[in-house]
Amino acid sequence: MGNKINAIQGQSVICVSKAVTTKASLVIPKLSIYCLALYKVMLDKGTHETPIMHKDRVYRDMLYGNTPSIDAEGRLRPDSWERDFDTQEKTKALMAQITPENFKSGRFGYQTLRHEFMNLNGFDVDGAGNQTIDFDEIIQLKP
């Protein structure tokens, strides 16, 4: 594949991304617990990214910018902020403290995880008010 793309001055890239909130990621066993701890650590460090922010950094900084993080195999590693030793150690320590009784507390990233998941489904959207909708007006609309 790389040879064919090179012939037209293209490029194929493998990108290893960080843990992000998606509909699929939340049904992976234990990943939600990991995200609760990881998000809190990364929020405190100022490195947390939503999926859109993460992909924006991949394109803006790594593919079309001049700050790629590349591993020994030549893969883009935007997950380097997540893989940071201190981040992983703090995440492991927080994971050990999460219980069914305290996971919603401010000690973990529950509010961030919940907000991002709700956004994926069109809810809890910043700037969108809880306006009353007149369904009689909507019924009168014609395509």
C-alpha atoms as a PDB file:
ATOM      1  CA  MET A   1       0.000   0.000   0.000  1.00  0.00           C
ATOM      2  CA  GLY A   2       2.767   2.410   0.965  1.00  0.00           C
ATOM      3  CA  ASN A   3       4.571   1.884  -2.378  1.00  0.00           C
ATOM      4  CA  LYS A   4       1.427   2.640  -4.392  1.00  0.00           C
ATOM      5  CA  ILE A   5       0.719   5.768  -2.377  1.00  0.00           C
ATOM      6  CA  ASN A   6       4.348   6.889  -2.570  1.00  0.00           C
ATOM      7  CA  ALA A   7       4.123   6.742  -6.344  1.00  0.00           C
ATOM      8  CA  ILE A   8       1.560   9.545  -6.248  1.00  0.00           C
ATOM      9  CA  GLN A   9       3.414  11.378  -3.477  1.00  0.00           C
ATOM     10  CA  GLY A  10       0.943  10.220  -0.844  1.00  0.00           C
ATOM     11  CA  GLN A  11       1.549   8.704   2.537  1.00  0.00           C
ATOM     12  CA  SER A  12      -0.004   5.957   4.645  1.00  0.00           C
ATOM     13  CA  VAL A  13       0.076   6.435   8.397  1.00  0.00           C
ATOM     14  CA  ILE A  14      -0.796   4.293  11.388  1.00  0.00           C
ATOM     15  CA  CYS A  15      -2.064   6.322  14.322  1.00  0.00           C
ATOM     16  CA  VAL A  16      -2.404   4.998  17.881  1.00  0.00           C
ATOM     17  CA  SER A  17      -4.975   7.182  19.625  1.00  0.00           C
ATOM     18  CA  LYS A  18      -5.741   7.738  23.298  1.00  0.00           C
ATOM     19  CA  ALA A  19      -8.731   6.466  25.243  1.00  0.00           C
ATOM     20  CA  VAL A  20     -11.723   8.644  24.329  1.00  0.00           C
ATOM     21  CA  THR A  21     -15.457   8.663  24.996  1.00  0.00           C
ATOM     22  CA  THR A  22     -17.393   6.922  22.233  1.00  0.00           C
ATOM     23  CA  LYS A  23     -20.508   4.781  22.223  1.00  0.00           C
ATOM     24  CA  ALA A  24     -18.334   1.742  21.549  1.00  0.00           C
ATOM     25  CA  SER A  25     -15.660   2.507  24.149  1.00  0.00           C
ATOM     26  CA  LEU A  26     -18.146   2.626  27.006  1.00  0.00           C
ATOM     27  CA  VAL A  27     -19.205  -0.995  26.557  1.00  0.00           C
ATOM     28  CA  ILE A  28     -15.651  -2.347  26.740  1.00  0.00           C
ATOM     29  CA  PRO A  29     -15.288  -4.001  30.171  1.00  0.00           C
ATOM     30  CA  LYS A  30     -13.265  -1.901  32.651  1.00  0.00           C
ATOM     31  CA  LEU A  31     -12.623   0.907  30.165  1.00  0.00           C
ATOM     32  CA  SER A  32     -15.158   3.195  31.863  1.00  0.00           C
ATOM     33  CA  ILE A  33     -13.316   2.787  35.169  1.00  0.00           C
ATOM     34  CA  TYR A  34     -10.023   3.514  33.435  1.00  0.00           C
ATOM     35  CA  CYS A  35     -11.533   6.614  31.773  1.00  0.00           C
ATOM     36  CA  LEU A  36     -12.917   7.892  35.100  1.00  0.00           C
ATOM     37  CA  ALA A  37      -9.402   7.869  36.539  1.00  0.00           C
ATOM     38  CA  LEU A  38      -7.542   8.888  33.359  1.00  0.00           C
ATOM     39  CA  TYR A  39      -9.809  11.846  32.623  1.00  0.00           C
ATOM     40  CA  LYS A  40      -9.366  13.211  36.149  1.00  0.00           C
ATOM     41  CA  VAL A  41      -5.576  12.938  35.919  1.00  0.00           C
ATOM     42  CA  MET A  42      -5.434  14.456  32.446  1.00  0.00           C
ATOM     43  CA  LEU A  43      -7.879  17.236  33.386  1.00  0.00           C
ATOM     44  CA  ASP A  44      -5.674  18.118  36.348  1.00  0.00           C
ATOM     45  CA  LYS A  45      -2.614  18.175  34.058  1.00  0.00           C
ATOM     46  CA  GLY A  46      -4.396  20.144  31.331  1.00  0.00           C
ATOM     47  CA  THR A  47      -3.945  17.363  28.752  1.00  0.00           C
ATOM     48  CA  HIS A  48      -7.469  15.889  28.527  1.00  0.00           C
ATOM     49  CA  GLU A  49      -8.959  15.890  25.032  1.00  0.00           C
ATOM     50  CA  THR A  50     -12.378  15.054  23.645  1.00  0.00           C
ATOM     51  CA  PRO A  51     -12.349  12.849  20.519  1.00  0.00           C
ATOM     52  CA  ILE A  52     -12.650  15.944  18.292  1.00  0.00           C
ATOM     53  CA  MET A  53      -9.829  17.753  20.093  1.00  0.00           C
ATOM     54  CA  HIS A  54      -7.667  14.636  19.866  1.00  0.00           C
ATOM     55  CA  LYS A  55      -8.156  14.187  16.118  1.00  0.00           C
ATOM     56  CA  ASP A  56      -7.681  17.912  15.571  1.00  0.00           C
ATOM     57  CA  ARG A  57      -4.250  17.609  17.232  1.00  0.00           C
ATOM     58  CA  VAL A  58      -3.435  14.578  15.076  1.00  0.00           C
ATOM     59  CA  TYR A  59      -4.143  16.498  11.884  1.00  0.00           C
ATOM     60  CA  ARG A  60      -3.052  20.008  12.895  1.00  0.00           C
ATOM     61  CA  ASP A  61       0.134  19.143  14.793  1.00  0.00           C
ATOM     62  CA  MET A  62       1.199  15.725  13.580  1.00  0.00           C
ATOM     63  CA  LEU A  63       0.098  15.152   9.990  1.00  0.00           C
ATOM     64  CA  TYR A  64       0.139  18.731   8.712  1.00  0.00           C
ATOM     65  CA  GLY A  65       2.135  20.389  11.478  1.00  0.00           C
ATOM     66  CA  ASN A  66       5.663  19.985  12.660  1.00  0.00           C
ATOM     67  CA  THR A  67       5.263  18.241  16.032  1.00  0.00           C
ATOM     68  CA  PRO A  68       4.601  14.570  15.319  1.00  0.00           C
ATOM     69  CA  SER A  69       5.109  12.024  18.086  1.00  0.00           C
ATOM     70  CA  ILE A  70       6.410   8.915  16.304  1.00  0.00           C
ATOM     71  CA  ASP A  71       7.449   5.599  17.869  1.00  0.00           C
ATOM     72  CA  ALA A  72      10.245   3.231  16.804  1.00  0.00           C
ATOM     73  CA  GLU A  73       7.922   1.480  14.313  1.00  0.00           C
ATOM     74  CA  GLY A  74       7.036   4.765  12.610  1.00  0.00           C
ATOM     75  CA  ARG A  75       3.506   5.031  14.022  1.00  0.00           C
ATOM     76  CA  LEU A  76       2.010   8.358  15.072  1.00  0.00           C
ATOM     77  CA  ARG A  77       1.523   8.277  18.843  1.00  0.00           C
ATOM     78  CA  PRO A  78      -0.860  11.039  19.909  1.00  0.00           C
ATOM     79  CA  ASP A  79      -1.549   8.786  22.895  1.00  0.00           C
ATOM     80  CA  SER A  80       1.827   9.885  24.309  1.00  0.00           C
ATOM     81  CA  TRP A  81       0.081  12.256  26.743  1.00  0.00           C
ATOM     82  CA  GLU A  82      -1.921   9.299  28.059  1.00  0.00           C
ATOM     83  CA  ARG A  83       1.111   6.971  28.120  1.00  0.00           C
ATOM     84  CA  ASP A  84       3.180   9.475  30.111  1.00  0.00           C
ATOM     85  CA  PHE A  85       4.647   7.599  33.110  1.00  0.00           C
ATOM     86  CA  ASP A  86       3.313  10.028  35.731  1.00  0.00           C
ATOM     87  CA  THR A  87      -0.139  10.031  34.107  1.00  0.00           C
ATOM     88  CA  GLN A  88      -0.269   6.221  34.127  1.00  0.00           C
ATOM     89  CA  GLU A  89       0.922   5.955  37.742  1.00  0.00           C
ATOM     90  CA  LYS A  90      -1.667   8.463  38.952  1.00  0.00           C
ATOM     91  CA  THR A  91      -4.368   6.767  36.862  1.00  0.00           C
ATOM     92  CA  LYS A  92      -3.556   3.347  38.368  1.00  0.00           C
ATOM     93  CA  ALA A  93      -3.656   4.806  41.881  1.00  0.00           C
ATOM     94  CA  LEU A  94      -7.049   6.442  41.238  1.00  0.00           C
ATOM     95  CA  MET A  95      -8.498   3.292  39.669  1.00  0.00           C
ATOM     96  CA  ALA A  96      -7.783   1.421  42.897  1.00  0.00           C
ATOM     97  CA  GLN A  97      -9.914   3.965  44.791  1.00  0.00           C
ATOM     98  CA  ILE A  98     -13.037   3.823  42.600  1.00  0.00           C
ATOM     99  CA  THR A  99     -16.039   2.089  44.156  1.00  0.00           C
ATOM    100  CA  PRO A 100     -19.745   1.845  43.245  1.00  0.00           C
ATOM    101  CA  GLU A 101     -20.420   4.315  46.052  1.00  0.00           C
ATOM    102  CA  ASN A 102     -17.918   7.032  45.111  1.00  0.00           C
ATOM    103  CA  PHE A 103     -17.419   6.934  41.316  1.00  0.00           C
ATOM    104  CA  LYS A 104     -19.628  10.007  40.806  1.00  0.00           C
ATOM    105  CA  SER A 105     -17.661  12.110  43.285  1.00  0.00           C
ATOM    106  CA  GLY A 106     -15.405  14.946  42.188  1.00  0.00           C
ATOM    107  CA  ARG A 107     -12.354  12.743  42.889  1.00  0.00           C
ATOM    108  CA  PHE A 108     -12.773  11.126  39.474  1.00  0.00           C
ATOM    109  CA  GLY A 109     -13.680  12.223  35.940  1.00  0.00           C
ATOM    110  CA  TYR A 110     -17.323  11.085  36.051  1.00  0.00           C
ATOM    111  CA  GLN A 111     -18.813  14.469  35.157  1.00  0.00           C
ATOM    112  CA  THR A 112     -16.493  14.790  32.148  1.00  0.00           C
ATOM    113  CA  LEU A 113     -17.206  11.248  30.954  1.00  0.00           C
ATOM    114  CA  ARG A 114     -20.961  11.760  31.390  1.00  0.00           C
ATOM    115  CA  HIS A 115     -20.909  15.143  29.631  1.00  0.00           C
ATOM    116  CA  GLU A 116     -18.949  13.754  26.670  1.00  0.00           C
ATOM    117  CA  PHE A 117     -21.254  10.734  26.378  1.00  0.00           C
ATOM    118  CA  MET A 118     -24.358  12.915  26.530  1.00  0.00           C
ATOM    119  CA  ASN A 119     -22.861  15.167  23.814  1.00  0.00           C
ATOM    120  CA  LEU A 120     -22.411  12.140  21.544  1.00  0.00           C
ATOM    121  CA  ASN A 121     -26.147  11.596  21.791  1.00  0.00           C
ATOM    122  CA  GLY A 122     -27.157  15.234  21.277  1.00  0.00           C
ATOM    123  CA  PHE A 123     -27.783  16.079  24.940  1.00  0.00           C
ATOM    124  CA  ASP A 124     -26.060  18.357  27.453  1.00  0.00           C
ATOM    125  CA  VAL A 125     -24.797  20.495  24.579  1.00  0.00           C
ATOM    126  CA  ASP A 126     -23.152  23.752  25.611  1.00  0.00           C
ATOM    127  CA  GLY A 127     -25.159  26.746  24.412  1.00  0.00           C
ATOM    128  CA  ALA A 128     -28.340  24.774  23.695  1.00  0.00           C
ATOM    129  CA  GLY A 129     -31.151  25.886  25.963  1.00  0.00           C
ATOM    130  CA  ASN A 130     -34.073  23.880  27.202  1.00  0.00           C
ATOM    131  CA  GLN A 131     -36.543  25.685  24.985  1.00  0.00           C
ATOM    132  CA  THR A 132     -40.162  24.667  24.799  1.00  0.00           C
ATOM    133  CA  ILE A 133     -41.055  23.321  21.380  1.00  0.00           C
ATOM    134  CA  ASP A 134     -44.476  23.846  19.865  1.00  0.00           C
ATOM    135  CA  PHE A 135     -45.131  20.532  18.137  1.00  0.00           C
ATOM    136  CA  ASP A 136     -48.239  21.958  16.410  1.00  0.00           C
ATOM    137  CA  GLU A 137     -45.915  24.300  14.483  1.00  0.00           C
ATOM    138  CA  ILE A 138     -43.611  21.412  13.564  1.00  0.00           C
ATOM    139  CA  ILE A 139     -46.535  19.326  12.279  1.00  0.00           C
ATOM    140  CA  GLN A 140     -47.482  22.189   9.922  1.00  0.00           C
ATOM    141  CA  LEU A 141     -44.032  22.168   8.289  1.00  0.00           C
ATOM    142  CA  LYS A 142     -43.822  20.739   4.801  1.00  0.00           C
ATOM    143  CA  PRO A 143     -40.708  19.325   3.131  1.00  0.00           C
END
